[in-house]
Amino acid sequence: MAWVCDYSGKKPRVGHRVVRRGKAKREGGVGKKVTGISKRRWKPNLQRIRIIDENGTVRRVRVCARYIKAGKFIKAPRGAKAPASA
């Protein structure tokens, strides 16, 4: 399963982790030197929640926490059953 929000489309972002050593010039040193750069990923805060969608069906979705916090969904109550698909 991919790390993608079903609604906002948020997915992992890629960047670099930069390691430096030395003392900054403003602190009286000769300056910071970069000693290593490695790739890293920032993953979205995805949660699996049960929602009631626009058709009234209960289903599980992977959604980022920001959308849950904003109240963009109607959470399904405990014990609510999804209609049997035949």
N, C-alpha and C. Protein backbone atom coordinates (compact mmCIF):
# COMPACT_ATOMS: atom_id res chain seq x y z
N MET A 1 0.84 -1.18 0.00
CA MET A 1 0.00 0.00 0.00
C MET A 1 0.89 1.25 0.00
N ALA A 2 0.58 2.17 -0.85
CA ALA A 2 1.41 3.36 -1.01
C ALA A 2 1.17 4.36 0.12
N TRP A 3 2.17 5.18 0.39
CA TRP A 3 2.06 6.23 1.39
C TRP A 3 1.43 7.46 0.77
N VAL A 4 0.17 7.35 0.37
CA VAL A 4 -0.52 8.46 -0.28
C VAL A 4 -1.86 8.68 0.38
N CYS A 5 -2.19 9.93 0.66
CA CYS A 5 -3.48 10.28 1.24
C CYS A 5 -4.55 10.11 0.16
N ASP A 6 -5.65 9.44 0.49
CA ASP A 6 -6.71 9.17 -0.48
C ASP A 6 -7.43 10.45 -0.93
N TYR A 7 -7.37 11.51 -0.14
CA TYR A 7 -8.10 12.72 -0.48
C TYR A 7 -7.20 13.87 -0.93
N SER A 8 -6.17 14.18 -0.13
CA SER A 8 -5.33 15.33 -0.49
C SER A 8 -4.25 14.97 -1.49
N GLY A 9 -3.92 13.67 -1.60
CA GLY A 9 -2.87 13.25 -2.52
C GLY A 9 -1.47 13.46 -1.96
N LYS A 10 -1.38 13.77 -0.66
CA LYS A 10 -0.06 13.95 -0.06
C LYS A 10 0.72 12.67 -0.14
N LYS A 11 2.00 12.78 -0.44
CA LYS A 11 2.88 11.62 -0.50
C LYS A 11 4.24 11.99 0.04
N PRO A 12 5.13 11.03 0.23
CA PRO A 12 6.43 11.37 0.81
C PRO A 12 7.21 12.38 -0.03
N ARG A 13 7.85 13.31 0.67
CA ARG A 13 8.69 14.30 0.00
C ARG A 13 10.14 13.88 0.19
N VAL A 14 10.98 14.20 -0.77
CA VAL A 14 12.38 13.81 -0.72
C VAL A 14 13.25 15.04 -0.52
N GLY A 15 14.29 14.89 0.28
CA GLY A 15 15.22 15.98 0.51
C GLY A 15 16.56 15.43 0.94
N HIS A 16 17.38 16.29 1.51
CA HIS A 16 18.70 15.88 1.94
C HIS A 16 18.90 16.15 3.42
N ARG A 17 19.68 15.29 4.03
CA ARG A 17 20.14 15.51 5.40
C ARG A 17 21.58 15.98 5.27
N VAL A 18 21.84 17.20 5.69
CA VAL A 18 23.17 17.79 5.53
C VAL A 18 23.86 17.81 6.89
N VAL A 19 25.04 17.21 6.95
CA VAL A 19 25.83 17.19 8.18
C VAL A 19 26.97 18.20 8.03
N ARG A 20 27.11 19.07 9.04
CA ARG A 20 28.15 20.10 8.98
C ARG A 20 29.02 20.00 10.21
N ARG A 21 30.26 20.48 10.10
CA ARG A 21 31.12 20.58 11.26
C ARG A 21 31.88 21.90 11.19
N GLY A 22 32.38 22.32 12.32
CA GLY A 22 33.11 23.57 12.39
C GLY A 22 32.35 24.62 13.18
N LYS A 23 32.98 25.74 13.31
CA LYS A 23 32.39 26.84 14.08
C LYS A 23 31.98 27.94 13.12
N ALA A 24 30.80 28.51 13.32
CA ALA A 24 30.29 29.56 12.44
C ALA A 24 31.18 30.79 12.49
N LYS A 25 31.24 31.51 11.37
CA LYS A 25 32.08 32.72 11.29
C LYS A 25 31.64 33.76 12.30
N ARG A 26 30.33 33.89 12.49
CA ARG A 26 29.85 34.91 13.42
C ARG A 26 30.20 34.60 14.87
N GLU A 27 30.61 33.34 15.11
CA GLU A 27 31.03 32.96 16.46
C GLU A 27 32.55 32.94 16.59
N GLY A 28 33.24 33.41 15.54
CA GLY A 28 34.69 33.51 15.61
C GLY A 28 35.43 32.36 14.95
N GLY A 29 34.72 31.51 14.24
CA GLY A 29 35.38 30.38 13.59
C GLY A 29 35.70 30.68 12.13
N VAL A 30 36.17 29.66 11.42
CA VAL A 30 36.52 29.84 10.01
C VAL A 30 35.35 29.48 9.10
N GLY A 31 34.26 29.04 9.66
CA GLY A 31 33.08 28.74 8.86
C GLY A 31 32.71 27.27 8.94
N LYS A 32 31.47 26.99 8.65
CA LYS A 32 30.97 25.61 8.68
C LYS A 32 31.34 24.90 7.39
N LYS A 33 31.69 23.63 7.48
CA LYS A 33 32.00 22.82 6.31
C LYS A 33 31.00 21.67 6.23
N VAL A 34 30.55 21.36 5.03
CA VAL A 34 29.64 20.23 4.83
C VAL A 34 30.47 18.97 4.76
N THR A 35 30.15 17.98 5.60
CA THR A 35 30.92 16.73 5.63
C THR A 35 30.13 15.55 5.08
N GLY A 36 28.84 15.70 4.90
CA GLY A 36 28.07 14.58 4.39
C GLY A 36 26.68 15.00 3.98
N ILE A 37 26.20 14.47 2.88
CA ILE A 37 24.84 14.71 2.42
C ILE A 37 24.23 13.36 2.09
N SER A 38 23.11 13.04 2.74
CA SER A 38 22.43 11.79 2.43
C SER A 38 20.96 12.10 2.19
N LYS A 39 20.32 11.24 1.40
CA LYS A 39 18.92 11.45 1.08
C LYS A 39 18.04 11.03 2.24
N ARG A 40 16.91 11.68 2.38
CA ARG A 40 15.94 11.31 3.39
C ARG A 40 14.55 11.60 2.87
N ARG A 41 13.53 11.04 3.54
CA ARG A 41 12.14 11.23 3.13
C ARG A 41 11.32 11.75 4.30
N TRP A 42 10.39 12.65 4.02
CA TRP A 42 9.41 13.10 4.99
C TRP A 42 8.10 12.43 4.62
N LYS A 43 7.59 11.58 5.50
CA LYS A 43 6.35 10.86 5.21
C LYS A 43 5.16 11.61 5.79
N PRO A 44 4.03 11.62 5.09
CA PRO A 44 2.84 12.26 5.64
C PRO A 44 2.29 11.45 6.81
N ASN A 45 1.60 12.13 7.70
CA ASN A 45 1.02 11.47 8.88
C ASN A 45 -0.31 10.86 8.48
N LEU A 46 -0.26 9.64 7.94
CA LEU A 46 -1.47 8.98 7.46
C LEU A 46 -2.09 8.12 8.55
N GLN A 47 -3.41 8.18 8.61
CA GLN A 47 -4.18 7.38 9.56
C GLN A 47 -5.24 6.61 8.79
N ARG A 48 -5.54 5.41 9.25
CA ARG A 48 -6.63 4.63 8.65
C ARG A 48 -7.88 4.88 9.47
N ILE A 49 -8.90 5.48 8.85
CA ILE A 49 -10.14 5.74 9.57
C ILE A 49 -11.31 5.21 8.77
N ARG A 50 -12.41 4.96 9.47
CA ARG A 50 -13.66 4.54 8.82
C ARG A 50 -14.53 5.77 8.67
N ILE A 51 -14.96 6.04 7.45
CA ILE A 51 -15.78 7.22 7.20
C ILE A 51 -17.09 6.81 6.52
N ILE A 52 -18.03 7.73 6.56
CA ILE A 52 -19.26 7.57 5.79
C ILE A 52 -19.11 8.51 4.61
N ASP A 53 -19.05 7.95 3.40
CA ASP A 53 -18.83 8.79 2.23
C ASP A 53 -20.14 9.40 1.73
N GLU A 54 -20.08 10.12 0.61
CA GLU A 54 -21.25 10.85 0.11
C GLU A 54 -22.41 9.94 -0.29
N ASN A 55 -22.14 8.66 -0.56
CA ASN A 55 -23.20 7.70 -0.89
C ASN A 55 -23.82 7.07 0.34
N GLY A 56 -23.26 7.35 1.51
CA GLY A 56 -23.78 6.78 2.75
C GLY A 56 -23.16 5.44 3.09
N THR A 57 -22.14 5.02 2.37
CA THR A 57 -21.49 3.75 2.67
C THR A 57 -20.33 3.97 3.63
N VAL A 58 -20.10 2.95 4.44
CA VAL A 58 -18.99 2.99 5.39
C VAL A 58 -17.79 2.35 4.72
N ARG A 59 -16.66 3.06 4.73
CA ARG A 59 -15.46 2.47 4.15
C ARG A 59 -14.22 2.97 4.86
N ARG A 60 -13.14 2.19 4.71
CA ARG A 60 -11.88 2.56 5.33
C ARG A 60 -11.03 3.33 4.33
N VAL A 61 -10.41 4.42 4.80
CA VAL A 61 -9.55 5.21 3.93
C VAL A 61 -8.28 5.56 4.70
N ARG A 62 -7.22 5.83 3.94
CA ARG A 62 -5.97 6.34 4.53
C ARG A 62 -5.94 7.84 4.28
N VAL A 63 -5.97 8.61 5.36
CA VAL A 63 -6.10 10.06 5.25
C VAL A 63 -5.04 10.73 6.12
N CYS A 64 -4.52 11.86 5.65
CA CYS A 64 -3.54 12.59 6.45
C CYS A 64 -4.24 13.25 7.64
N ALA A 65 -3.49 13.39 8.72
CA ALA A 65 -4.04 13.89 9.98
C ALA A 65 -4.58 15.30 9.85
N ARG A 66 -4.03 16.08 8.95
CA ARG A 66 -4.49 17.46 8.77
C ARG A 66 -5.94 17.49 8.30
N TYR A 67 -6.31 16.56 7.41
CA TYR A 67 -7.69 16.51 6.92
C TYR A 67 -8.64 16.03 8.01
N ILE A 68 -8.20 15.11 8.85
CA ILE A 68 -9.04 14.65 9.95
C ILE A 68 -9.27 15.78 10.94
N LYS A 69 -8.20 16.50 11.24
CA LYS A 69 -8.27 17.60 12.20
C LYS A 69 -9.17 18.72 11.70
N ALA A 70 -9.17 18.93 10.38
CA ALA A 70 -9.99 19.99 9.78
C ALA A 70 -11.47 19.61 9.75
N GLY A 71 -11.80 18.35 10.06
CA GLY A 71 -13.19 17.91 10.10
C GLY A 71 -13.80 17.74 8.72
N LYS A 72 -13.04 17.26 7.76
CA LYS A 72 -13.54 17.12 6.39
C LYS A 72 -14.30 15.82 6.19
N PHE A 73 -14.39 14.97 7.22
CA PHE A 73 -15.06 13.69 7.09
C PHE A 73 -16.09 13.50 8.16
N ILE A 74 -17.05 12.63 7.87
CA ILE A 74 -17.98 12.17 8.89
C ILE A 74 -17.49 10.79 9.28
N LYS A 75 -16.99 10.66 10.50
CA LYS A 75 -16.47 9.38 10.94
C LYS A 75 -17.62 8.42 11.20
N ALA A 76 -17.44 7.17 10.80
CA ALA A 76 -18.46 6.16 10.99
C ALA A 76 -18.50 5.76 12.46
N PRO A 77 -19.69 5.65 13.05
CA PRO A 77 -19.76 5.23 14.45
C PRO A 77 -19.34 3.78 14.61
N ARG A 78 -18.89 3.42 15.79
CA ARG A 78 -18.49 2.04 16.05
C ARG A 78 -19.67 1.11 15.86
N GLY A 79 -19.41 -0.01 15.22
CA GLY A 79 -20.47 -0.99 15.00
C GLY A 79 -21.27 -0.78 13.76
N ALA A 80 -21.06 0.35 13.06
CA ALA A 80 -21.80 0.60 11.83
C ALA A 80 -21.25 -0.33 10.76
N LYS A 81 -22.12 -1.02 10.08
CA LYS A 81 -21.71 -2.00 9.07
C LYS A 81 -21.80 -1.39 7.67
N ALA A 82 -20.85 -1.78 6.86
CA ALA A 82 -20.90 -1.38 5.45
C ALA A 82 -21.93 -2.27 4.77
N PRO A 83 -22.72 -1.72 3.86
CA PRO A 83 -23.72 -2.55 3.17
C PRO A 83 -23.05 -3.65 2.39
N ALA A 84 -23.65 -4.84 2.41
CA ALA A 84 -23.08 -5.98 1.70
C ALA A 84 -23.18 -5.76 0.22
N SER A 85 -22.03 -5.84 -0.48
CA SER A 85 -22.04 -5.67 -1.94
C SER A 85 -22.23 -7.04 -2.58
N ALA A 86 -23.25 -7.13 -3.41
CA ALA A 86 -23.55 -8.44 -4.02
C ALA A 86 -23.39 -8.40 -5.52
